[in-house]
Amino acid sequence: MATSTQKVLRLTFQNTSGSATSITLPEPKENLPAADIQTAMDLVISKNIFATTGGDLTAKRDIRIIDTTTDDLYDAPTA
């Protein structure tokens, strides 16, 4: 049994069809300024470097740092 922690940066964009598309990056740098993240998202949109099923990325929708702690409560016996 163990406890593990994972932190990710989730960038959510809107695409041409109006749907949300997210890019998740593991282990973001601590104290990353929101302005820097927004600038990077603007660059991703302007360079049109990702293809989605809903078309091109057109706008920023959300930025989140998600911190997850998982407690493993059972270890399967080994034979």
N, C-alpha and C. Protein backbone atom coordinates (compact mmCIF):
# COMPACT_ATOMS: atom_id res chain seq x y z
N MET A 1 0.83 -1.17 0.00
CA MET A 1 0.00 0.00 0.00
C MET A 1 0.88 1.24 0.00
N ALA A 2 0.47 2.19 -0.82
CA ALA A 2 1.31 3.38 -0.96
C ALA A 2 0.45 4.59 -1.31
N THR A 3 1.03 5.74 -1.11
CA THR A 3 0.40 6.99 -1.51
C THR A 3 1.27 7.62 -2.59
N SER A 4 0.62 8.07 -3.67
CA SER A 4 1.37 8.74 -4.73
C SER A 4 0.69 10.07 -5.05
N THR A 5 1.48 11.01 -5.48
CA THR A 5 0.98 12.33 -5.84
C THR A 5 1.41 12.65 -7.26
N GLN A 6 0.49 13.24 -8.01
CA GLN A 6 0.79 13.64 -9.38
C GLN A 6 0.25 15.04 -9.61
N LYS A 7 1.04 15.87 -10.27
CA LYS A 7 0.62 17.23 -10.60
C LYS A 7 0.73 17.39 -12.11
N VAL A 8 -0.32 17.98 -12.72
CA VAL A 8 -0.31 18.23 -14.15
C VAL A 8 -0.83 19.63 -14.43
N LEU A 9 -0.42 20.16 -15.56
CA LEU A 9 -0.92 21.44 -16.07
C LEU A 9 -1.85 21.11 -17.22
N ARG A 10 -3.11 21.50 -17.12
CA ARG A 10 -4.07 21.22 -18.18
C ARG A 10 -4.46 22.52 -18.88
N LEU A 11 -4.14 22.59 -20.18
CA LEU A 11 -4.48 23.74 -21.02
C LEU A 11 -5.69 23.36 -21.85
N THR A 12 -6.75 24.12 -21.75
CA THR A 12 -7.96 23.80 -22.50
C THR A 12 -8.22 24.91 -23.52
N PHE A 13 -8.43 24.47 -24.76
CA PHE A 13 -8.66 25.37 -25.89
C PHE A 13 -10.05 25.13 -26.46
N GLN A 14 -10.54 26.09 -27.19
CA GLN A 14 -11.75 25.90 -27.98
C GLN A 14 -11.31 25.69 -29.42
N ASN A 15 -12.01 24.80 -30.14
CA ASN A 15 -11.68 24.59 -31.55
C ASN A 15 -12.79 25.16 -32.43
N THR A 16 -12.62 25.05 -33.73
CA THR A 16 -13.56 25.68 -34.68
C THR A 16 -14.98 25.18 -34.51
N SER A 17 -15.15 23.94 -34.09
CA SER A 17 -16.50 23.41 -33.91
C SER A 17 -17.14 23.86 -32.59
N GLY A 18 -16.37 24.59 -31.76
CA GLY A 18 -16.88 25.06 -30.48
C GLY A 18 -16.64 24.10 -29.33
N SER A 19 -16.02 22.98 -29.62
CA SER A 19 -15.73 21.98 -28.58
C SER A 19 -14.45 22.35 -27.84
N ALA A 20 -14.30 21.75 -26.65
CA ALA A 20 -13.09 21.94 -25.86
C ALA A 20 -12.09 20.84 -26.19
N THR A 21 -10.82 21.22 -26.26
CA THR A 21 -9.72 20.30 -26.46
C THR A 21 -8.66 20.62 -25.42
N SER A 22 -8.18 19.60 -24.71
CA SER A 22 -7.20 19.83 -23.65
C SER A 22 -5.86 19.20 -23.98
N ILE A 23 -4.82 19.86 -23.52
CA ILE A 23 -3.46 19.36 -23.58
C ILE A 23 -2.99 19.29 -22.13
N THR A 24 -2.53 18.13 -21.70
CA THR A 24 -2.11 17.93 -20.32
C THR A 24 -0.61 17.69 -20.28
N LEU A 25 0.07 18.49 -19.47
CA LEU A 25 1.53 18.40 -19.34
C LEU A 25 1.89 17.98 -17.92
N PRO A 26 2.70 16.93 -17.76
CA PRO A 26 3.04 16.45 -16.43
C PRO A 26 4.08 17.33 -15.75
N GLU A 27 4.02 17.34 -14.43
CA GLU A 27 5.02 17.98 -13.57
C GLU A 27 5.35 19.42 -13.98
N PRO A 28 4.38 20.33 -13.92
CA PRO A 28 4.66 21.73 -14.27
C PRO A 28 5.63 22.37 -13.28
N LYS A 29 6.36 23.32 -13.77
CA LYS A 29 7.31 24.07 -12.95
C LYS A 29 6.55 24.79 -11.83
N GLU A 30 7.11 24.81 -10.64
CA GLU A 30 6.47 25.50 -9.51
C GLU A 30 6.40 27.00 -9.78
N ASN A 31 5.32 27.63 -9.32
CA ASN A 31 5.12 29.08 -9.42
C ASN A 31 5.21 29.61 -10.85
N LEU A 32 4.71 28.85 -11.79
CA LEU A 32 4.69 29.25 -13.19
C LEU A 32 3.69 30.40 -13.35
N PRO A 33 4.14 31.55 -13.85
CA PRO A 33 3.22 32.69 -13.98
C PRO A 33 2.13 32.44 -15.01
N ALA A 34 0.90 32.77 -14.66
CA ALA A 34 -0.24 32.58 -15.56
C ALA A 34 -0.02 33.31 -16.88
N ALA A 35 0.60 34.48 -16.83
CA ALA A 35 0.85 35.24 -18.06
C ALA A 35 1.74 34.46 -19.02
N ASP A 36 2.73 33.74 -18.50
CA ASP A 36 3.61 32.93 -19.35
C ASP A 36 2.84 31.78 -20.01
N ILE A 37 1.94 31.18 -19.25
CA ILE A 37 1.14 30.08 -19.79
C ILE A 37 0.21 30.61 -20.89
N GLN A 38 -0.41 31.76 -20.64
CA GLN A 38 -1.30 32.35 -21.63
C GLN A 38 -0.55 32.70 -22.91
N THR A 39 0.66 33.21 -22.77
CA THR A 39 1.48 33.52 -23.95
C THR A 39 1.79 32.26 -24.74
N ALA A 40 2.11 31.17 -24.04
CA ALA A 40 2.38 29.91 -24.73
C ALA A 40 1.13 29.39 -25.45
N MET A 41 -0.02 29.54 -24.82
CA MET A 41 -1.27 29.11 -25.45
C MET A 41 -1.55 29.94 -26.70
N ASP A 42 -1.30 31.25 -26.62
CA ASP A 42 -1.49 32.11 -27.80
C ASP A 42 -0.59 31.66 -28.94
N LEU A 43 0.64 31.26 -28.61
CA LEU A 43 1.58 30.78 -29.62
C LEU A 43 1.09 29.48 -30.27
N VAL A 44 0.58 28.57 -29.45
CA VAL A 44 0.04 27.31 -29.97
C VAL A 44 -1.10 27.60 -30.95
N ILE A 45 -1.97 28.53 -30.59
CA ILE A 45 -3.10 28.89 -31.46
C ILE A 45 -2.60 29.54 -32.75
N SER A 46 -1.70 30.49 -32.63
CA SER A 46 -1.24 31.23 -33.82
C SER A 46 -0.43 30.37 -34.78
N LYS A 47 0.33 29.40 -34.26
CA LYS A 47 1.15 28.52 -35.11
C LYS A 47 0.34 27.34 -35.66
N ASN A 48 -0.86 27.10 -35.09
CA ASN A 48 -1.74 26.04 -35.57
C ASN A 48 -0.99 24.70 -35.65
N ILE A 49 -0.37 24.31 -34.53
CA ILE A 49 0.49 23.13 -34.55
C ILE A 49 -0.20 21.83 -34.13
N PHE A 50 -1.45 21.90 -33.64
CA PHE A 50 -2.18 20.70 -33.24
C PHE A 50 -3.43 20.55 -34.08
N ALA A 51 -3.67 19.34 -34.54
CA ALA A 51 -4.90 19.03 -35.28
C ALA A 51 -5.88 18.36 -34.33
N THR A 52 -7.14 18.78 -34.37
CA THR A 52 -8.17 18.14 -33.56
C THR A 52 -9.31 17.70 -34.47
N THR A 53 -10.11 16.78 -33.98
CA THR A 53 -11.25 16.32 -34.77
C THR A 53 -12.28 17.44 -34.97
N GLY A 54 -12.24 18.46 -34.12
CA GLY A 54 -13.18 19.57 -34.23
C GLY A 54 -12.61 20.76 -34.96
N GLY A 55 -11.46 20.60 -35.60
CA GLY A 55 -10.85 21.69 -36.36
C GLY A 55 -9.73 22.39 -35.59
N ASP A 56 -9.32 23.52 -36.13
CA ASP A 56 -8.21 24.28 -35.56
C ASP A 56 -8.55 24.82 -34.17
N LEU A 57 -7.52 25.00 -33.35
CA LEU A 57 -7.69 25.65 -32.06
C LEU A 57 -7.90 27.14 -32.31
N THR A 58 -8.91 27.72 -31.67
CA THR A 58 -9.25 29.12 -31.96
C THR A 58 -9.16 30.05 -30.77
N ALA A 59 -9.25 29.52 -29.54
CA ALA A 59 -9.25 30.40 -28.36
C ALA A 59 -8.83 29.63 -27.12
N LYS A 60 -8.38 30.38 -26.12
CA LYS A 60 -8.07 29.80 -24.81
C LYS A 60 -9.39 29.66 -24.06
N ARG A 61 -9.54 28.54 -23.35
CA ARG A 61 -10.77 28.33 -22.59
C ARG A 61 -10.50 28.22 -21.09
N ASP A 62 -9.40 27.55 -20.70
CA ASP A 62 -9.14 27.34 -19.28
C ASP A 62 -7.69 26.92 -19.07
N ILE A 63 -7.16 27.24 -17.89
CA ILE A 63 -5.83 26.80 -17.47
C ILE A 63 -5.98 26.30 -16.04
N ARG A 64 -5.52 25.07 -15.79
CA ARG A 64 -5.60 24.51 -14.44
C ARG A 64 -4.34 23.73 -14.10
N ILE A 65 -3.95 23.85 -12.85
CA ILE A 65 -2.94 22.94 -12.31
C ILE A 65 -3.73 21.98 -11.43
N ILE A 66 -3.62 20.70 -11.74
CA ILE A 66 -4.37 19.68 -11.03
C ILE A 66 -3.39 18.85 -10.22
N ASP A 67 -3.64 18.78 -8.91
CA ASP A 67 -2.79 18.02 -7.99
C ASP A 67 -3.62 16.86 -7.44
N THR A 68 -3.20 15.64 -7.74
CA THR A 68 -3.95 14.46 -7.36
C THR A 68 -3.13 13.60 -6.41
N THR A 69 -3.76 13.20 -5.31
CA THR A 69 -3.14 12.26 -4.38
C THR A 69 -3.94 10.97 -4.43
N THR A 70 -3.25 9.85 -4.62
CA THR A 70 -3.89 8.55 -4.70
C THR A 70 -3.38 7.68 -3.56
N ASP A 71 -4.31 7.14 -2.78
CA ASP A 71 -3.97 6.21 -1.72
C ASP A 71 -4.34 4.80 -2.18
N ASP A 72 -3.35 3.97 -2.37
CA ASP A 72 -3.56 2.59 -2.77
C ASP A 72 -3.87 1.79 -1.51
N LEU A 73 -5.10 1.27 -1.42
CA LEU A 73 -5.53 0.61 -0.20
C LEU A 73 -5.43 -0.89 -0.24
N TYR A 74 -4.99 -1.44 -1.37
CA TYR A 74 -4.92 -2.90 -1.46
C TYR A 74 -3.76 -3.29 -2.36
N ASP A 75 -2.96 -4.21 -1.90
CA ASP A 75 -1.90 -4.80 -2.71
C ASP A 75 -2.28 -6.26 -2.96
N ALA A 76 -2.39 -6.62 -4.21
CA ALA A 76 -2.74 -8.00 -4.54
C ALA A 76 -1.64 -8.93 -4.06
N PRO A 77 -2.03 -10.09 -3.49
CA PRO A 77 -1.00 -11.03 -3.03
C PRO A 77 -0.24 -11.62 -4.22
N THR A 78 1.03 -11.87 -3.99
CA THR A 78 1.85 -12.49 -5.01
C THR A 78 1.99 -13.97 -4.69
N ALA A 79 1.93 -14.79 -5.71
CA ALA A 79 1.97 -16.24 -5.49
C ALA A 79 3.37 -16.77 -5.44
